[in-house]
Amino acid sequence: MPKTICREELLELIDRGAQVVEVLPAEEFDWKHIVGASNLPLKELTAQAAALLDRGRPVVAYCNDFQ
């Protein structure tokens, strides 16, 4: 179930092994992203792409919207 979290909660999840996934296009990921994050652009997110994630670990998906 999706949930908004703060920076401190993100750091705790990462410490416990969570996978961090940026869902914006690759150009934005290349420009700036959280260290250690993977890039799975939302427009390219397929079952095959999602299969790259470890189903035994939590996933934190994020994006950055400047609007």
N, C-alpha and C. Protein backbone atom coordinates (compact mmCIF):
# COMPACT_ATOMS: atom_id res chain seq x y z
N MET A 1 0.84 -1.17 0.00
CA MET A 1 0.00 0.00 0.00
C MET A 1 0.89 1.24 0.00
N PRO A 2 0.68 2.20 -0.90
CA PRO A 2 1.51 3.41 -0.96
C PRO A 2 1.37 4.26 0.31
N LYS A 3 2.48 4.89 0.68
CA LYS A 3 2.51 5.75 1.86
C LYS A 3 3.59 6.81 1.66
N THR A 4 3.29 8.03 2.00
CA THR A 4 4.29 9.09 1.96
C THR A 4 5.14 9.00 3.23
N ILE A 5 6.46 9.10 3.06
CA ILE A 5 7.36 9.02 4.21
C ILE A 5 8.30 10.22 4.21
N CYS A 6 8.88 10.49 5.36
CA CYS A 6 9.85 11.59 5.47
C CYS A 6 11.26 11.04 5.23
N ARG A 7 12.22 11.95 5.19
CA ARG A 7 13.61 11.58 4.93
C ARG A 7 14.14 10.58 5.96
N GLU A 8 13.83 10.82 7.22
CA GLU A 8 14.31 9.94 8.28
C GLU A 8 13.76 8.53 8.13
N GLU A 9 12.48 8.42 7.75
CA GLU A 9 11.88 7.10 7.53
C GLU A 9 12.54 6.41 6.34
N LEU A 10 12.86 7.18 5.30
CA LEU A 10 13.55 6.61 4.14
C LEU A 10 14.89 6.05 4.55
N LEU A 11 15.65 6.81 5.32
CA LEU A 11 16.97 6.34 5.75
C LEU A 11 16.86 5.07 6.59
N GLU A 12 15.85 4.99 7.45
CA GLU A 12 15.64 3.78 8.25
C GLU A 12 15.32 2.59 7.34
N LEU A 13 14.46 2.80 6.35
CA LEU A 13 14.12 1.71 5.42
C LEU A 13 15.34 1.24 4.64
N ILE A 14 16.15 2.19 4.19
CA ILE A 14 17.37 1.83 3.46
C ILE A 14 18.30 1.03 4.36
N ASP A 15 18.44 1.45 5.61
CA ASP A 15 19.28 0.72 6.57
C ASP A 15 18.78 -0.71 6.77
N ARG A 16 17.47 -0.92 6.62
CA ARG A 16 16.89 -2.26 6.80
C ARG A 16 16.81 -3.03 5.48
N GLY A 17 17.41 -2.47 4.40
CA GLY A 17 17.51 -3.22 3.15
C GLY A 17 16.49 -2.89 2.09
N ALA A 18 15.75 -1.81 2.24
CA ALA A 18 14.75 -1.44 1.22
C ALA A 18 15.43 -1.08 -0.10
N GLN A 19 14.73 -1.36 -1.17
CA GLN A 19 15.17 -0.98 -2.52
C GLN A 19 14.56 0.38 -2.84
N VAL A 20 15.37 1.29 -3.36
CA VAL A 20 14.89 2.63 -3.70
C VAL A 20 14.83 2.71 -5.22
N VAL A 21 13.65 3.09 -5.74
CA VAL A 21 13.42 3.12 -7.18
C VAL A 21 12.90 4.49 -7.60
N GLU A 22 13.62 5.14 -8.50
CA GLU A 22 13.21 6.41 -9.11
C GLU A 22 12.34 6.08 -10.31
N VAL A 23 11.14 6.65 -10.40
CA VAL A 23 10.23 6.29 -11.48
C VAL A 23 10.12 7.36 -12.58
N LEU A 24 10.94 8.40 -12.51
CA LEU A 24 10.95 9.41 -13.57
C LEU A 24 11.86 8.97 -14.72
N PRO A 25 11.79 9.65 -15.86
CA PRO A 25 12.62 9.28 -17.01
C PRO A 25 14.11 9.28 -16.70
N ALA A 26 14.86 8.52 -17.48
CA ALA A 26 16.29 8.34 -17.26
C ALA A 26 17.06 9.66 -17.24
N GLU A 27 16.64 10.63 -18.06
CA GLU A 27 17.36 11.92 -18.10
C GLU A 27 17.32 12.59 -16.72
N GLU A 28 16.18 12.52 -16.07
CA GLU A 28 16.06 13.12 -14.75
C GLU A 28 16.82 12.31 -13.70
N PHE A 29 16.81 10.99 -13.84
CA PHE A 29 17.58 10.13 -12.95
C PHE A 29 19.06 10.44 -13.08
N ASP A 30 19.53 10.58 -14.32
CA ASP A 30 20.95 10.88 -14.56
C ASP A 30 21.34 12.23 -13.98
N TRP A 31 20.40 13.18 -13.99
CA TRP A 31 20.67 14.53 -13.50
C TRP A 31 20.88 14.52 -11.98
N LYS A 32 19.98 13.82 -11.26
CA LYS A 32 20.09 13.78 -9.81
C LYS A 32 19.20 12.68 -9.26
N HIS A 33 19.75 11.86 -8.38
CA HIS A 33 18.97 10.79 -7.77
C HIS A 33 19.57 10.42 -6.41
N ILE A 34 18.82 9.67 -5.66
CA ILE A 34 19.30 9.18 -4.37
C ILE A 34 20.38 8.13 -4.63
N VAL A 35 21.49 8.26 -3.93
CA VAL A 35 22.60 7.31 -4.10
C VAL A 35 22.10 5.89 -3.84
N GLY A 36 22.41 4.98 -4.76
CA GLY A 36 22.00 3.59 -4.62
C GLY A 36 20.65 3.27 -5.22
N ALA A 37 19.93 4.29 -5.68
CA ALA A 37 18.60 4.07 -6.27
C ALA A 37 18.71 3.44 -7.65
N SER A 38 17.68 2.70 -8.02
CA SER A 38 17.55 2.16 -9.37
C SER A 38 16.59 3.04 -10.14
N ASN A 39 16.67 3.00 -11.46
CA ASN A 39 15.77 3.78 -12.30
C ASN A 39 14.87 2.84 -13.08
N LEU A 40 13.57 2.90 -12.79
CA LEU A 40 12.55 2.18 -13.54
C LEU A 40 11.48 3.19 -13.93
N PRO A 41 11.67 3.89 -15.06
CA PRO A 41 10.71 4.92 -15.45
C PRO A 41 9.28 4.38 -15.49
N LEU A 42 8.36 5.13 -14.94
CA LEU A 42 6.97 4.71 -14.85
C LEU A 42 6.41 4.33 -16.22
N LYS A 43 6.76 5.09 -17.25
CA LYS A 43 6.24 4.80 -18.59
C LYS A 43 6.81 3.51 -19.17
N GLU A 44 7.89 3.01 -18.58
CA GLU A 44 8.51 1.77 -19.06
C GLU A 44 8.34 0.63 -18.06
N LEU A 45 7.56 0.86 -17.02
CA LEU A 45 7.41 -0.13 -15.97
C LEU A 45 6.51 -1.27 -16.44
N THR A 46 7.10 -2.40 -16.67
CA THR A 46 6.39 -3.60 -17.11
C THR A 46 6.65 -4.70 -16.09
N ALA A 47 5.95 -5.78 -16.24
CA ALA A 47 6.19 -6.92 -15.35
C ALA A 47 7.63 -7.39 -15.48
N GLN A 48 8.16 -7.35 -16.70
CA GLN A 48 9.54 -7.78 -16.92
C GLN A 48 10.52 -6.85 -16.20
N ALA A 49 10.28 -5.53 -16.27
CA ALA A 49 11.15 -4.58 -15.59
C ALA A 49 11.02 -4.74 -14.07
N ALA A 50 9.81 -4.92 -13.59
CA ALA A 50 9.58 -5.08 -12.15
C ALA A 50 10.21 -6.36 -11.63
N ALA A 51 10.39 -7.34 -12.49
CA ALA A 51 11.00 -8.61 -12.08
C ALA A 51 12.46 -8.43 -11.65
N LEU A 52 13.05 -7.29 -11.99
CA LEU A 52 14.43 -7.00 -11.58
C LEU A 52 14.52 -6.68 -10.09
N LEU A 53 13.38 -6.39 -9.48
CA LEU A 53 13.36 -6.08 -8.05
C LEU A 53 13.32 -7.35 -7.22
N ASP A 54 13.86 -7.29 -6.03
CA ASP A 54 13.86 -8.41 -5.10
C ASP A 54 12.52 -8.41 -4.36
N ARG A 55 11.67 -9.38 -4.63
CA ARG A 55 10.33 -9.43 -4.05
C ARG A 55 10.36 -9.66 -2.53
N GLY A 56 11.49 -10.03 -1.99
CA GLY A 56 11.61 -10.25 -0.56
C GLY A 56 11.99 -9.01 0.23
N ARG A 57 12.21 -7.89 -0.47
CA ARG A 57 12.61 -6.64 0.19
C ARG A 57 11.60 -5.54 -0.11
N PRO A 58 11.38 -4.64 0.83
CA PRO A 58 10.47 -3.52 0.57
C PRO A 58 10.99 -2.65 -0.57
N VAL A 59 10.07 -1.99 -1.26
CA VAL A 59 10.42 -1.09 -2.36
C VAL A 59 9.92 0.30 -2.01
N VAL A 60 10.82 1.27 -2.13
CA VAL A 60 10.45 2.67 -1.97
C VAL A 60 10.54 3.29 -3.36
N ALA A 61 9.41 3.69 -3.91
CA ALA A 61 9.36 4.34 -5.22
C ALA A 61 9.25 5.84 -4.99
N TYR A 62 10.00 6.61 -5.77
CA TYR A 62 9.92 8.05 -5.60
C TYR A 62 10.08 8.76 -6.94
N CYS A 63 9.64 10.00 -6.95
CA CYS A 63 9.85 10.88 -8.08
C CYS A 63 10.00 12.29 -7.54
N ASN A 64 10.39 13.21 -8.38
CA ASN A 64 10.54 14.59 -7.97
C ASN A 64 9.75 15.44 -8.94
N ASP A 65 8.81 16.19 -8.43
CA ASP A 65 7.96 17.03 -9.26
C ASP A 65 8.18 18.47 -8.84
N PHE A 66 8.68 19.26 -9.77
CA PHE A 66 9.00 20.66 -9.46
C PHE A 66 7.79 21.58 -9.61
N GLN A 67 6.64 21.07 -9.98
CA GLN A 67 5.47 21.93 -10.21
C GLN A 67 4.78 22.28 -8.93
